[in-house]
Amino acid sequence: MVKQVITNERCADIISSIVYLSQSLHFIIVAEYVETQMQRDRLIEIGCTCFQGYLYSKPLPFLEFYEKLKQLEENINCCLAKKDKGQVLS
């Protein structure tokens, strides 16, 4: 459905209903197969906050994914440390 969220209003309505239900149950949902910024932007309008797909990365072998995750964690920790010191983040 995500692939058609731009061109098919019925798909957008179904996704919107799923988002509403998940929020009312305090679930976190992940929109999969997000390939374009337009899809992501429309999903944000509908209420989605987590995304997965080629817009962000091609499928990765586990070890490569793990290394990217470690790097991301290091970058986040570095930014948080700079913020705590009052440094300007770039």
N, C-alpha and C. Protein backbone atom coordinates (compact mmCIF):
# COMPACT_ATOMS: atom_id res chain seq x y z
N MET A 1 0.79 -1.19 0.00
CA MET A 1 0.00 0.00 0.00
C MET A 1 0.85 1.26 0.00
N VAL A 2 1.99 1.20 0.65
CA VAL A 2 2.85 2.39 0.72
C VAL A 2 3.26 2.85 -0.67
N LYS A 3 3.51 1.89 -1.55
CA LYS A 3 3.93 2.26 -2.90
C LYS A 3 2.87 3.07 -3.62
N GLN A 4 1.59 2.90 -3.25
CA GLN A 4 0.50 3.59 -3.93
C GLN A 4 -0.08 4.74 -3.10
N VAL A 5 0.54 5.10 -2.00
CA VAL A 5 -0.02 6.11 -1.11
C VAL A 5 -0.17 7.47 -1.80
N ILE A 6 0.62 7.74 -2.80
CA ILE A 6 0.53 9.02 -3.53
C ILE A 6 -0.59 8.99 -4.55
N THR A 7 -0.75 7.88 -5.23
CA THR A 7 -1.66 7.82 -6.38
C THR A 7 -3.03 7.23 -6.08
N ASN A 8 -3.18 6.57 -4.93
CA ASN A 8 -4.42 5.87 -4.64
C ASN A 8 -4.95 6.34 -3.28
N GLU A 9 -6.01 7.13 -3.32
CA GLU A 9 -6.55 7.69 -2.08
C GLU A 9 -7.09 6.60 -1.15
N ARG A 10 -7.59 5.53 -1.72
CA ARG A 10 -8.08 4.42 -0.88
C ARG A 10 -6.94 3.81 -0.06
N CYS A 11 -5.77 3.66 -0.66
CA CYS A 11 -4.60 3.16 0.08
C CYS A 11 -4.25 4.13 1.21
N ALA A 12 -4.28 5.42 0.90
CA ALA A 12 -3.97 6.42 1.92
C ALA A 12 -4.98 6.34 3.06
N ASP A 13 -6.25 6.12 2.75
CA ASP A 13 -7.28 6.00 3.78
C ASP A 13 -7.05 4.77 4.65
N ILE A 14 -6.68 3.66 4.04
CA ILE A 14 -6.42 2.43 4.80
C ILE A 14 -5.22 2.63 5.73
N ILE A 15 -4.17 3.23 5.21
CA ILE A 15 -2.98 3.48 6.03
C ILE A 15 -3.34 4.42 7.18
N SER A 16 -4.13 5.44 6.89
CA SER A 16 -4.56 6.37 7.92
C SER A 16 -5.34 5.66 9.03
N SER A 17 -6.19 4.72 8.65
CA SER A 17 -6.95 3.94 9.64
C SER A 17 -6.02 3.08 10.49
N ILE A 18 -5.03 2.47 9.86
CA ILE A 18 -4.06 1.65 10.59
C ILE A 18 -3.28 2.51 11.58
N VAL A 19 -2.87 3.69 11.13
CA VAL A 19 -2.13 4.61 12.00
C VAL A 19 -3.00 5.01 13.20
N TYR A 20 -4.25 5.37 12.93
CA TYR A 20 -5.15 5.77 14.01
C TYR A 20 -5.32 4.64 15.02
N LEU A 21 -5.57 3.44 14.55
CA LEU A 21 -5.76 2.30 15.43
C LEU A 21 -4.49 2.04 16.25
N SER A 22 -3.35 2.06 15.59
CA SER A 22 -2.09 1.79 16.30
C SER A 22 -1.82 2.85 17.36
N GLN A 23 -2.11 4.11 17.05
CA GLN A 23 -1.90 5.16 18.04
C GLN A 23 -2.83 4.99 19.24
N SER A 24 -4.08 4.61 18.98
CA SER A 24 -5.03 4.44 20.08
C SER A 24 -4.64 3.26 20.97
N LEU A 25 -3.92 2.30 20.44
CA LEU A 25 -3.44 1.15 21.21
C LEU A 25 -2.02 1.33 21.72
N HIS A 26 -1.43 2.50 21.46
CA HIS A 26 -0.06 2.83 21.87
C HIS A 26 0.97 1.88 21.25
N PHE A 27 0.72 1.52 20.00
CA PHE A 27 1.67 0.71 19.24
C PHE A 27 2.58 1.63 18.43
N ILE A 28 3.75 1.14 18.14
CA ILE A 28 4.65 1.82 17.20
C ILE A 28 4.58 1.04 15.90
N ILE A 29 4.34 1.74 14.81
CA ILE A 29 4.30 1.07 13.51
C ILE A 29 5.44 1.59 12.64
N VAL A 30 5.84 0.75 11.71
CA VAL A 30 6.88 1.10 10.75
C VAL A 30 6.30 0.97 9.36
N ALA A 31 6.34 2.06 8.60
CA ALA A 31 5.89 2.01 7.20
C ALA A 31 7.04 1.44 6.38
N GLU A 32 6.79 0.33 5.71
CA GLU A 32 7.81 -0.35 4.92
C GLU A 32 7.68 0.01 3.44
N TYR A 33 8.73 -0.25 2.70
CA TYR A 33 8.79 -0.02 1.25
C TYR A 33 8.75 1.46 0.88
N VAL A 34 9.24 2.32 1.76
CA VAL A 34 9.29 3.75 1.45
C VAL A 34 10.48 3.98 0.53
N GLU A 35 10.19 4.40 -0.69
CA GLU A 35 11.24 4.54 -1.70
C GLU A 35 11.48 5.98 -2.13
N THR A 36 10.52 6.87 -1.89
CA THR A 36 10.68 8.26 -2.35
C THR A 36 10.34 9.23 -1.22
N GLN A 37 10.86 10.45 -1.35
CA GLN A 37 10.53 11.48 -0.37
C GLN A 37 9.05 11.83 -0.42
N MET A 38 8.45 11.77 -1.60
CA MET A 38 7.02 12.06 -1.72
C MET A 38 6.20 11.06 -0.91
N GLN A 39 6.57 9.79 -0.98
CA GLN A 39 5.86 8.77 -0.19
C GLN A 39 6.03 9.07 1.29
N ARG A 40 7.27 9.33 1.70
CA ARG A 40 7.53 9.61 3.11
C ARG A 40 6.76 10.84 3.58
N ASP A 41 6.75 11.89 2.77
CA ASP A 41 6.05 13.11 3.16
C ASP A 41 4.55 12.87 3.30
N ARG A 42 3.98 12.09 2.40
CA ARG A 42 2.55 11.78 2.48
C ARG A 42 2.27 10.93 3.72
N LEU A 43 3.15 9.99 4.02
CA LEU A 43 2.99 9.17 5.21
C LEU A 43 3.09 10.01 6.49
N ILE A 44 3.96 11.00 6.48
CA ILE A 44 4.06 11.91 7.63
C ILE A 44 2.75 12.66 7.80
N GLU A 45 2.18 13.14 6.69
CA GLU A 45 0.88 13.83 6.75
C GLU A 45 -0.19 12.93 7.36
N ILE A 46 -0.13 11.65 7.04
CA ILE A 46 -1.11 10.69 7.54
C ILE A 46 -0.88 10.40 9.03
N GLY A 47 0.35 10.55 9.50
CA GLY A 47 0.65 10.32 10.91
C GLY A 47 1.73 9.31 11.19
N CYS A 48 2.36 8.76 10.15
CA CYS A 48 3.47 7.81 10.35
C CYS A 48 4.71 8.56 10.83
N THR A 49 5.48 7.90 11.68
CA THR A 49 6.71 8.52 12.18
C THR A 49 7.95 7.65 11.99
N CYS A 50 7.77 6.37 11.66
CA CYS A 50 8.90 5.46 11.46
C CYS A 50 8.81 4.86 10.07
N PHE A 51 9.96 4.79 9.41
CA PHE A 51 9.97 4.37 8.01
C PHE A 51 11.13 3.41 7.74
N GLN A 52 10.94 2.58 6.73
CA GLN A 52 11.98 1.65 6.29
C GLN A 52 11.84 1.53 4.78
N GLY A 53 12.96 1.46 4.11
CA GLY A 53 12.91 1.26 2.67
C GLY A 53 14.13 1.83 1.97
N TYR A 54 14.11 1.73 0.65
CA TYR A 54 15.25 2.15 -0.17
C TYR A 54 15.56 3.64 -0.04
N LEU A 55 14.59 4.44 0.40
CA LEU A 55 14.88 5.87 0.61
C LEU A 55 16.00 6.02 1.62
N TYR A 56 16.09 5.08 2.55
CA TYR A 56 17.08 5.17 3.62
C TYR A 56 18.28 4.26 3.41
N SER A 57 18.05 3.08 2.88
CA SER A 57 19.15 2.15 2.65
C SER A 57 18.66 0.94 1.86
N LYS A 58 19.55 0.42 1.07
CA LYS A 58 19.28 -0.88 0.44
C LYS A 58 19.37 -1.95 1.53
N PRO A 59 18.84 -3.12 1.28
CA PRO A 59 19.02 -4.21 2.26
C PRO A 59 20.50 -4.49 2.50
N LEU A 60 20.85 -4.72 3.75
CA LEU A 60 22.26 -4.93 4.11
C LEU A 60 22.45 -6.28 4.78
N PRO A 61 23.61 -6.88 4.57
CA PRO A 61 23.96 -8.06 5.37
C PRO A 61 24.04 -7.65 6.84
N PHE A 62 23.80 -8.59 7.73
CA PHE A 62 23.72 -8.28 9.15
C PHE A 62 24.94 -7.52 9.66
N LEU A 63 26.14 -7.99 9.35
CA LEU A 63 27.34 -7.34 9.90
C LEU A 63 27.49 -5.91 9.41
N GLU A 64 27.15 -5.66 8.16
CA GLU A 64 27.22 -4.30 7.63
C GLU A 64 26.17 -3.41 8.32
N PHE A 65 24.98 -3.96 8.52
CA PHE A 65 23.95 -3.23 9.25
C PHE A 65 24.41 -2.91 10.68
N TYR A 66 25.00 -3.90 11.32
CA TYR A 66 25.48 -3.72 12.70
C TYR A 66 26.53 -2.61 12.77
N GLU A 67 27.45 -2.60 11.83
CA GLU A 67 28.48 -1.55 11.81
C GLU A 67 27.87 -0.17 11.60
N LYS A 68 26.90 -0.07 10.70
CA LYS A 68 26.22 1.21 10.48
C LYS A 68 25.47 1.65 11.74
N LEU A 69 24.86 0.71 12.42
CA LEU A 69 24.14 1.01 13.64
C LEU A 69 25.10 1.51 14.72
N LYS A 70 26.25 0.87 14.86
CA LYS A 70 27.26 1.32 15.82
C LYS A 70 27.73 2.72 15.50
N GLN A 71 27.95 3.00 14.21
CA GLN A 71 28.39 4.32 13.78
C GLN A 71 27.33 5.37 14.10
N LEU A 72 26.09 5.04 13.85
CA LEU A 72 25.00 5.96 14.15
C LEU A 72 24.92 6.24 15.64
N GLU A 73 25.07 5.20 16.44
CA GLU A 73 25.04 5.37 17.89
C GLU A 73 26.18 6.28 18.35
N GLU A 74 27.37 6.11 17.78
CA GLU A 74 28.50 6.95 18.13
C GLU A 74 28.23 8.40 17.74
N ASN A 75 27.64 8.62 16.57
CA ASN A 75 27.33 9.98 16.14
C ASN A 75 26.30 10.63 17.06
N ILE A 76 25.30 9.87 17.46
CA ILE A 76 24.27 10.40 18.36
C ILE A 76 24.89 10.75 19.71
N ASN A 77 25.71 9.85 20.23
CA ASN A 77 26.36 10.11 21.52
C ASN A 77 27.26 11.33 21.45
N CYS A 78 27.96 11.50 20.34
CA CYS A 78 28.83 12.66 20.16
C CYS A 78 28.00 13.94 20.15
N CYS A 79 26.88 13.93 19.42
CA CYS A 79 26.01 15.10 19.36
C CYS A 79 25.43 15.43 20.73
N LEU A 80 25.03 14.40 21.46
CA LEU A 80 24.48 14.63 22.79
C LEU A 80 25.53 15.20 23.73
N ALA A 81 26.76 14.73 23.62
CA ALA A 81 27.84 15.24 24.47
C ALA A 81 28.11 16.71 24.15
N LYS A 82 28.11 17.05 22.87
CA LYS A 82 28.33 18.45 22.48
C LYS A 82 27.19 19.33 22.98
N LYS A 83 25.98 18.82 22.89
CA LYS A 83 24.81 19.58 23.35
C LYS A 83 24.91 19.83 24.85
N ASP A 84 25.32 18.79 25.60
CA ASP A 84 25.45 18.94 27.06
C ASP A 84 26.51 19.96 27.42
N LYS A 85 27.53 20.12 26.57
CA LYS A 85 28.58 21.10 26.81
C LYS A 85 28.22 22.48 26.26
N GLY A 86 27.04 22.58 25.63
CA GLY A 86 26.62 23.86 25.07
C GLY A 86 27.25 24.22 23.76
N GLN A 87 27.86 23.25 23.09
CA GLN A 87 28.49 23.51 21.80
C GLN A 87 27.44 23.53 20.70
N VAL A 88 27.73 24.27 19.66
CA VAL A 88 26.84 24.33 18.50
C VAL A 88 26.98 23.05 17.71
N LEU A 89 25.84 22.44 17.37
CA LEU A 89 25.86 21.19 16.59
C LEU A 89 25.82 21.52 15.12
N SER A 90 26.58 20.79 14.35
CA SER A 90 26.54 21.00 12.89
C SER A 90 26.11 19.75 12.18
